[in-house]
Amino acid sequence: MSEALISGVQLTSTHDGEAALAIELTFPNGGRSKVQINALEAADVMAAAGVASAEGLVGQPWTVLDVRQPKFMG
């Protein structure tokens, strides 16, 4: 079964003015969605994915976003 892929990333701010990363997901059926993660989570996601910058997340499966314990998915 195919899974959603990260198709875009963009720096943004939260309503509190803190840095965040807006991540666009593209699903196998063509659907798109955006999720937002804070700067600390973004650093953890990039480390888990083995990339040096947010742009390196593009093309990765959306499951790389699940870095917290206990896991949200599965």
Protein backbone atom coordinates (compact mmCIF):
# COMPACT_ATOMS: atom_id res chain seq x y z
CA MET A 1 0.00 0.00 0.00
CA SER A 2 1.29 3.44 -0.90
CA GLU A 3 1.53 6.15 1.69
CA ALA A 4 1.48 9.91 1.71
CA LEU A 5 4.71 11.70 0.84
CA ILE A 6 6.04 15.04 2.02
CA SER A 7 5.71 17.27 -1.04
CA GLY A 8 6.63 20.66 0.38
CA VAL A 9 7.93 22.48 3.43
CA GLN A 10 7.73 26.11 4.45
CA LEU A 11 8.79 28.07 7.51
CA THR A 12 5.88 29.73 9.24
CA SER A 13 4.99 31.09 12.64
CA THR A 14 2.48 29.96 15.21
CA HIS A 15 -0.23 32.24 16.56
CA ASP A 16 2.20 32.92 19.43
CA GLY A 17 4.88 34.08 17.00
CA GLU A 18 7.09 31.03 17.48
CA ALA A 19 8.88 29.34 14.56
CA ALA A 20 7.18 26.34 13.02
CA LEU A 21 7.39 24.21 9.90
CA ALA A 22 4.35 23.81 7.64
CA ILE A 23 4.58 20.48 5.85
CA GLU A 24 2.49 19.62 2.80
CA LEU A 25 1.53 15.98 2.32
CA THR A 26 0.42 14.45 -0.98
CA PHE A 27 -1.62 11.26 -0.85
CA PRO A 28 -1.66 8.50 -3.49
CA ASN A 29 -5.18 9.51 -4.56
CA GLY A 30 -3.97 13.08 -5.30
CA GLY A 31 -5.29 14.60 -2.08
CA ARG A 32 -3.21 17.16 -0.25
CA SER A 33 -3.03 18.24 3.36
CA LYS A 34 -0.84 20.44 5.53
CA VAL A 35 0.40 19.82 9.03
CA GLN A 36 2.39 22.14 11.25
CA ILE A 37 5.12 21.14 13.69
CA ASN A 38 7.04 23.34 16.08
CA ALA A 39 10.77 24.03 15.77
CA LEU A 40 11.81 21.42 18.35
CA GLU A 41 9.77 18.71 16.65
CA ALA A 42 11.14 19.81 13.27
CA ALA A 43 14.70 19.28 14.52
CA ASP A 44 13.77 15.80 15.80
CA VAL A 45 12.06 14.92 12.50
CA MET A 46 15.08 16.04 10.45
CA ALA A 47 17.44 14.05 12.68
CA ALA A 48 15.28 10.92 12.43
CA ALA A 49 15.04 11.31 8.64
CA GLY A 50 18.81 11.83 8.36
CA VAL A 51 18.55 15.17 6.57
CA ALA A 52 20.40 18.41 7.27
CA SER A 53 17.65 20.83 6.26
CA ALA A 54 13.88 20.99 6.06
CA GLU A 55 14.03 20.81 2.26
CA GLY A 56 15.57 17.36 2.64
CA LEU A 57 12.23 16.11 3.94
CA VAL A 58 10.60 16.54 0.52
CA GLY A 59 10.03 13.11 -0.99
CA GLN A 60 10.14 11.33 2.37
CA PRO A 61 7.15 9.28 3.55
CA TRP A 62 4.92 11.08 6.01
CA THR A 63 5.74 8.50 8.68
CA VAL A 64 9.07 10.29 9.33
CA LEU A 65 6.97 12.89 11.17
CA ASP A 66 6.14 10.40 13.91
CA VAL A 67 9.08 10.95 16.27
CA ARG A 68 7.35 10.98 19.65
CA GLN A 69 6.98 8.12 22.11
CA PRO A 70 4.57 6.48 22.26
CA LYS A 71 4.16 6.46 18.49
CA PHE A 72 1.00 8.07 17.16
CA MET A 73 0.76 5.64 14.25
CA GLY A 74 0.95 1.89 14.44
